[in-house]
Amino acid sequence: MPNPIKNAAVSENYALDLARTHELNFDKARSQRKSSG
């Protein structure tokens, strides 16, 4: 049987990774826009 506590930790890490990736992409897009403008 899956461990709900472990699953919660994994999904939390996944959410954090998603947020971090989104942040990086946002920063990249913003810096590209700044350099092109």
PDB file of N, CA and C in Angstrom:
ATOM      1  N   MET A   1       0.838  -1.213   0.000  1.00  0.00           N
ATOM      2  CA  MET A   1       0.000   0.000   0.000  1.00  0.00           C
ATOM      3  C   MET A   1       0.869   1.258   0.000  1.00  0.00           C
ATOM      4  N   PRO A   2       0.502   2.260  -0.767  1.00  0.00           N
ATOM      5  CA  PRO A   2       1.287   3.492  -0.801  1.00  0.00           C
ATOM      6  C   PRO A   2       1.228   4.237   0.526  1.00  0.00           C
ATOM      7  N   ASN A   3       2.291   4.910   0.819  1.00  0.00           N
ATOM      8  CA  ASN A   3       2.388   5.677   2.065  1.00  0.00           C
ATOM      9  C   ASN A   3       1.896   7.098   1.803  1.00  0.00           C
ATOM     10  N   PRO A   4       0.752   7.493   2.381  1.00  0.00           N
ATOM     11  CA  PRO A   4       0.189   8.827   2.098  1.00  0.00           C
ATOM     12  C   PRO A   4       1.105   9.965   2.516  1.00  0.00           C
ATOM     13  N   ILE A   5       1.853   9.756   3.605  1.00  0.00           N
ATOM     14  CA  ILE A   5       2.756  10.823   4.061  1.00  0.00           C
ATOM     15  C   ILE A   5       3.879  11.011   3.038  1.00  0.00           C
ATOM     16  N   LYS A   6       4.413   9.886   2.550  1.00  0.00           N
ATOM     17  CA  LYS A   6       5.480   9.969   1.550  1.00  0.00           C
ATOM     18  C   LYS A   6       4.935  10.592   0.273  1.00  0.00           C
ATOM     19  N   ASN A   7       3.725  10.204  -0.114  1.00  0.00           N
ATOM     20  CA  ASN A   7       3.115  10.759  -1.323  1.00  0.00           C
ATOM     21  C   ASN A   7       2.916  12.271  -1.185  1.00  0.00           C
ATOM     22  N   ALA A   8       2.516  12.702   0.000  1.00  0.00           N
ATOM     23  CA  ALA A   8       2.303  14.131   0.226  1.00  0.00           C
ATOM     24  C   ALA A   8       3.632  14.884   0.074  1.00  0.00           C
ATOM     25  N   ALA A   9       4.696  14.298   0.617  1.00  0.00           N
ATOM     26  CA  ALA A   9       6.003  14.941   0.513  1.00  0.00           C
ATOM     27  C   ALA A   9       6.440  15.012  -0.943  1.00  0.00           C
ATOM     28  N   VAL A  10       6.207  13.933  -1.681  1.00  0.00           N
ATOM     29  CA  VAL A  10       6.613  13.912  -3.087  1.00  0.00           C
ATOM     30  C   VAL A  10       5.837  14.946  -3.877  1.00  0.00           C
ATOM     31  N   SER A  11       4.520  15.012  -3.658  1.00  0.00           N
ATOM     32  CA  SER A  11       3.717  15.977  -4.408  1.00  0.00           C
ATOM     33  C   SER A  11       4.088  17.407  -4.009  1.00  0.00           C
ATOM     34  N   GLU A  12       4.496  17.598  -2.765  1.00  0.00           N
ATOM     35  CA  GLU A  12       4.908  18.940  -2.343  1.00  0.00           C
ATOM     36  C   GLU A  12       6.199  19.331  -3.062  1.00  0.00           C
ATOM     37  N   ASN A  13       7.136  18.368  -3.122  1.00  0.00           N
ATOM     38  CA  ASN A  13       8.386  18.631  -3.840  1.00  0.00           C
ATOM     39  C   ASN A  13       8.105  18.906  -5.306  1.00  0.00           C
ATOM     40  N   TYR A  14       7.148  18.156  -5.853  1.00  0.00           N
ATOM     41  CA  TYR A  14       6.790  18.335  -7.267  1.00  0.00           C
ATOM     42  C   TYR A  14       6.231  19.743  -7.493  1.00  0.00           C
ATOM     43  N   ALA A  15       5.379  20.177  -6.582  1.00  0.00           N
ATOM     44  CA  ALA A  15       4.798  21.513  -6.691  1.00  0.00           C
ATOM     45  C   ALA A  15       5.897  22.577  -6.586  1.00  0.00           C
ATOM     46  N   LEU A  16       6.834  22.358  -5.668  1.00  0.00           N
ATOM     47  CA  LEU A  16       7.927  23.321  -5.516  1.00  0.00           C
ATOM     48  C   LEU A  16       8.783  23.356  -6.771  1.00  0.00           C
ATOM     49  N   ASP A  17       9.047  22.160  -7.340  1.00  0.00           N
ATOM     50  CA  ASP A  17       9.833  22.110  -8.568  1.00  0.00           C
ATOM     51  C   ASP A  17       9.117  22.841  -9.692  1.00  0.00           C
ATOM     52  N   LEU A  18       7.811  22.626  -9.789  1.00  0.00           N
ATOM     53  CA  LEU A  18       7.030  23.298 -10.826  1.00  0.00           C
ATOM     54  C   LEU A  18       7.123  24.807 -10.653  1.00  0.00           C
ATOM     55  N   ALA A  19       6.955  25.265  -9.417  1.00  0.00           N
ATOM     56  CA  ALA A  19       6.993  26.704  -9.144  1.00  0.00           C
ATOM     57  C   ALA A  19       8.367  27.266  -9.487  1.00  0.00           C
ATOM     58  N   ARG A  20       9.416  26.523  -9.128  1.00  0.00           N
ATOM     59  CA  ARG A  20      10.771  26.994  -9.392  1.00  0.00           C
ATOM     60  C   ARG A  20      11.014  27.065 -10.900  1.00  0.00           C
ATOM     61  N   THR A  21      10.565  26.029 -11.603  1.00  0.00           N
ATOM     62  CA  THR A  21      10.741  26.001 -13.060  1.00  0.00           C
ATOM     63  C   THR A  21       9.992  27.168 -13.694  1.00  0.00           C
ATOM     64  N   HIS A  22       8.768  27.390 -13.228  1.00  0.00           N
ATOM     65  CA  HIS A  22       7.956  28.483 -13.759  1.00  0.00           C
ATOM     66  C   HIS A  22       8.658  29.824 -13.505  1.00  0.00           C
ATOM     67  N   GLU A  23       9.219  29.953 -12.314  1.00  0.00           N
ATOM     68  CA  GLU A  23       9.916  31.186 -11.950  1.00  0.00           C
ATOM     69  C   GLU A  23      11.113  31.407 -12.871  1.00  0.00           C
ATOM     70  N   LEU A  24      11.879  30.324 -13.104  1.00  0.00           N
ATOM     71  CA  LEU A  24      13.049  30.424 -13.966  1.00  0.00           C
ATOM     72  C   LEU A  24      12.631  30.813 -15.379  1.00  0.00           C
ATOM     73  N   ASN A  25      11.580  30.184 -15.884  1.00  0.00           N
ATOM     74  CA  ASN A  25      11.107  30.501 -17.231  1.00  0.00           C
ATOM     75  C   ASN A  25      10.642  31.953 -17.304  1.00  0.00           C
ATOM     76  N   PHE A  26       9.988  32.400 -16.250  1.00  0.00           N
ATOM     77  CA  PHE A  26       9.498  33.778 -16.206  1.00  0.00           C
ATOM     78  C   PHE A  26      10.671  34.752 -16.232  1.00  0.00           C
ATOM     79  N   ASP A  27      11.690  34.462 -15.408  1.00  0.00           N
ATOM     80  CA  ASP A  27      12.874  35.324 -15.372  1.00  0.00           C
ATOM     81  C   ASP A  27      13.572  35.340 -16.733  1.00  0.00           C
ATOM     82  N   LYS A  28      13.640  34.142 -17.363  1.00  0.00           N
ATOM     83  CA  LYS A  28      14.305  34.044 -18.656  1.00  0.00           C
ATOM     84  C   LYS A  28      13.568  34.892 -19.688  1.00  0.00           C
ATOM     85  N   ALA A  29      12.238  34.761 -19.708  1.00  0.00           N
ATOM     86  CA  ALA A  29      11.434  35.510 -20.674  1.00  0.00           C
ATOM     87  C   ALA A  29      11.566  37.008 -20.414  1.00  0.00           C
ATOM     88  N   ARG A  30      11.581  37.375 -19.147  1.00  0.00           N
ATOM     89  CA  ARG A  30      11.663  38.792 -18.798  1.00  0.00           C
ATOM     90  C   ARG A  30      13.022  39.359 -19.226  1.00  0.00           C
ATOM     91  N   SER A  31      14.102  38.618 -18.995  1.00  0.00           N
ATOM     92  CA  SER A  31      15.423  39.108 -19.365  1.00  0.00           C
ATOM     93  C   SER A  31      15.572  39.162 -20.882  1.00  0.00           C
ATOM     94  N   GLN A  32      14.962  38.190 -21.588  1.00  0.00           N
ATOM     95  CA  GLN A  32      15.016  38.212 -23.049  1.00  0.00           C
ATOM     96  C   GLN A  32      14.280  39.435 -23.575  1.00  0.00           C
ATOM     97  N   ARG A  33      13.107  39.705 -22.978  1.00  0.00           N
ATOM     98  CA  ARG A  33      12.319  40.853 -23.417  1.00  0.00           C
ATOM     99  C   ARG A  33      13.112  42.145 -23.149  1.00  0.00           C
ATOM    100  N   LYS A  34      13.788  42.178 -22.002  1.00  0.00           N
ATOM    101  CA  LYS A  34      14.534  43.382 -21.625  1.00  0.00           C
ATOM    102  C   LYS A  34      15.693  43.592 -22.605  1.00  0.00           C
ATOM    103  N   SER A  35      16.412  42.512 -22.953  1.00  0.00           N
ATOM    104  CA  SER A  35      17.573  42.658 -23.819  1.00  0.00           C
ATOM    105  C   SER A  35      17.158  42.988 -25.248  1.00  0.00           C
ATOM    106  N   SER A  36      15.980  42.511 -25.665  1.00  0.00           N
ATOM    107  CA  SER A  36      15.533  42.783 -27.033  1.00  0.00           C
ATOM    108  C   SER A  36      14.893  44.164 -27.132  1.00  0.00           C
ATOM    109  N   GLY A  37      14.417  44.681 -26.003  1.00  0.00           N
ATOM    110  CA  GLY A  37      13.751  45.976 -26.028  1.00  0.00           C
ATOM    111  C   GLY A  37      14.731  47.094 -25.802  1.00  0.00           C
TER     112      GLY A  37
END
